[in-house]
N, C-alpha and C. Protein backbone atom coordinates (compact mmCIF):
# COMPACT_ATOMS: atom_id res chain seq x y z
N MET A 1 -9.53 -4.67 -3.88
CA MET A 1 -9.14 -5.47 -2.75
C MET A 1 -10.38 -5.69 -1.89
N GLY A 2 -10.59 -6.90 -1.49
CA GLY A 2 -11.77 -7.21 -0.72
C GLY A 2 -11.42 -7.76 0.64
N LEU A 3 -12.46 -8.14 1.34
CA LEU A 3 -12.27 -8.72 2.66
C LEU A 3 -11.92 -10.19 2.53
N ILE A 4 -11.11 -10.66 3.44
CA ILE A 4 -10.75 -12.08 3.47
C ILE A 4 -11.65 -12.74 4.50
N LYS A 5 -12.42 -13.71 4.04
CA LYS A 5 -13.31 -14.42 4.95
C LYS A 5 -12.51 -15.49 5.68
N GLU A 6 -12.65 -15.51 6.98
CA GLU A 6 -11.95 -16.48 7.81
C GLU A 6 -12.61 -17.84 7.68
N PRO A 7 -11.89 -18.86 7.23
CA PRO A 7 -12.47 -20.20 7.15
C PRO A 7 -12.83 -20.72 8.55
N ASN A 8 -13.74 -21.68 8.59
CA ASN A 8 -14.11 -22.28 9.87
C ASN A 8 -12.90 -22.96 10.50
N ASP A 9 -12.79 -22.87 11.80
CA ASP A 9 -11.71 -23.50 12.57
C ASP A 9 -10.32 -22.95 12.26
N VAL A 10 -10.26 -21.76 11.69
CA VAL A 10 -8.96 -21.12 11.41
C VAL A 10 -9.04 -19.70 11.96
N ASP A 11 -8.02 -19.30 12.69
CA ASP A 11 -7.96 -17.95 13.23
C ASP A 11 -6.75 -17.22 12.64
N PHE A 12 -6.99 -16.01 12.15
CA PHE A 12 -5.90 -15.18 11.64
C PHE A 12 -5.49 -14.22 12.75
N PHE A 13 -4.20 -14.08 12.97
CA PHE A 13 -3.68 -13.16 13.96
C PHE A 13 -2.80 -12.14 13.28
N VAL A 14 -2.91 -10.89 13.71
CA VAL A 14 -2.07 -9.82 13.19
C VAL A 14 -1.18 -9.33 14.32
N VAL A 15 0.12 -9.33 14.07
CA VAL A 15 1.07 -8.88 15.08
C VAL A 15 1.46 -7.44 14.74
N ASN A 16 1.20 -6.54 15.65
CA ASN A 16 1.51 -5.14 15.45
C ASN A 16 2.90 -4.85 16.01
N LYS A 17 3.89 -4.81 15.13
CA LYS A 17 5.27 -4.58 15.53
C LYS A 17 5.65 -3.15 15.17
N PRO A 18 6.18 -2.37 16.10
CA PRO A 18 6.58 -1.00 15.79
C PRO A 18 7.65 -0.96 14.69
N MET A 19 7.54 0.03 13.83
CA MET A 19 8.51 0.17 12.74
C MET A 19 9.73 0.95 13.23
N THR A 20 10.89 0.58 12.71
CA THR A 20 12.10 1.33 13.03
C THR A 20 12.11 2.61 12.21
N GLU A 21 12.97 3.54 12.55
CA GLU A 21 13.07 4.78 11.80
C GLU A 21 13.43 4.51 10.33
N LYS A 22 14.31 3.53 10.11
CA LYS A 22 14.71 3.16 8.75
C LYS A 22 13.51 2.64 7.96
N GLU A 23 12.72 1.77 8.59
CA GLU A 23 11.53 1.21 7.94
C GLU A 23 10.51 2.30 7.64
N LYS A 24 10.33 3.24 8.58
CA LYS A 24 9.40 4.35 8.37
C LYS A 24 9.82 5.18 7.17
N LYS A 25 11.12 5.46 7.08
CA LYS A 25 11.64 6.27 5.97
C LYS A 25 11.45 5.54 4.64
N GLU A 26 11.78 4.25 4.61
CA GLU A 26 11.62 3.46 3.39
C GLU A 26 10.16 3.40 2.96
N PHE A 27 9.26 3.20 3.92
CA PHE A 27 7.84 3.13 3.62
C PHE A 27 7.33 4.47 3.09
N SER A 28 7.76 5.55 3.71
CA SER A 28 7.36 6.88 3.29
C SER A 28 7.84 7.16 1.86
N GLU A 29 9.07 6.78 1.55
CA GLU A 29 9.61 6.98 0.21
C GLU A 29 8.84 6.14 -0.82
N PHE A 30 8.47 4.91 -0.44
CA PHE A 30 7.71 4.05 -1.33
C PHE A 30 6.35 4.67 -1.64
N ILE A 31 5.66 5.17 -0.61
CA ILE A 31 4.34 5.77 -0.80
C ILE A 31 4.46 7.01 -1.68
N GLU A 32 5.47 7.82 -1.45
CA GLU A 32 5.67 9.03 -2.24
C GLU A 32 5.91 8.69 -3.71
N ALA A 33 6.75 7.68 -3.97
CA ALA A 33 7.03 7.26 -5.34
C ALA A 33 5.77 6.69 -6.00
N TYR A 34 4.99 5.92 -5.25
CA TYR A 34 3.76 5.33 -5.78
C TYR A 34 2.77 6.42 -6.17
N LYS A 35 2.60 7.42 -5.30
CA LYS A 35 1.67 8.51 -5.59
C LYS A 35 2.12 9.30 -6.81
N LEU A 36 3.41 9.53 -6.94
CA LEU A 36 3.93 10.24 -8.10
C LEU A 36 3.67 9.45 -9.37
N LYS A 37 3.91 8.14 -9.31
CA LYS A 37 3.67 7.27 -10.46
C LYS A 37 2.20 7.29 -10.87
N GLN A 38 1.30 7.24 -9.89
CA GLN A 38 -0.13 7.27 -10.18
C GLN A 38 -0.54 8.62 -10.77
N LYS A 39 0.06 9.70 -10.28
CA LYS A 39 -0.26 11.03 -10.78
C LYS A 39 0.18 11.16 -12.24
N ILE A 40 1.37 10.65 -12.55
CA ILE A 40 1.87 10.69 -13.92
C ILE A 40 0.98 9.84 -14.83
N LYS A 41 0.63 8.66 -14.36
CA LYS A 41 -0.23 7.75 -15.12
C LYS A 41 -1.57 8.42 -15.42
N LYS A 42 -2.15 9.07 -14.41
CA LYS A 42 -3.44 9.73 -14.57
C LYS A 42 -3.35 10.89 -15.55
N SER A 43 -2.27 11.66 -15.47
CA SER A 43 -2.13 12.80 -16.37
C SER A 43 -1.95 12.34 -17.82
N LYS A 44 -1.27 11.20 -18.04
CA LYS A 44 -1.11 10.66 -19.39
C LYS A 44 -2.46 10.22 -19.94
N LEU A 45 -3.30 9.62 -19.09
CA LEU A 45 -4.62 9.18 -19.52
C LEU A 45 -5.49 10.38 -19.88
N ASN A 46 -5.40 11.45 -19.10
CA ASN A 46 -6.19 12.65 -19.37
C ASN A 46 -5.74 13.33 -20.68
N LYS A 47 -4.45 13.30 -20.97
CA LYS A 47 -3.94 13.90 -22.21
C LYS A 47 -4.38 13.08 -23.43
N ALA A 48 -4.43 11.76 -23.28
CA ALA A 48 -4.81 10.88 -24.38
C ALA A 48 -6.30 11.00 -24.70
N ALA A 49 -7.08 11.37 -23.73
CA ALA A 49 -8.54 11.41 -23.93
C ALA A 49 -9.00 12.66 -24.61
């Protein structure tokens, strides 16, 4: 993933909206599942090598 260069005469704005408790929980579960998936993937690669 790289940096996005802002084109001339175009401004990008980021709106920082607080997350609800439900969104925080969903995001946390997603990150946990992703890390587990990556760990499993990595261990399979190490076993194959």
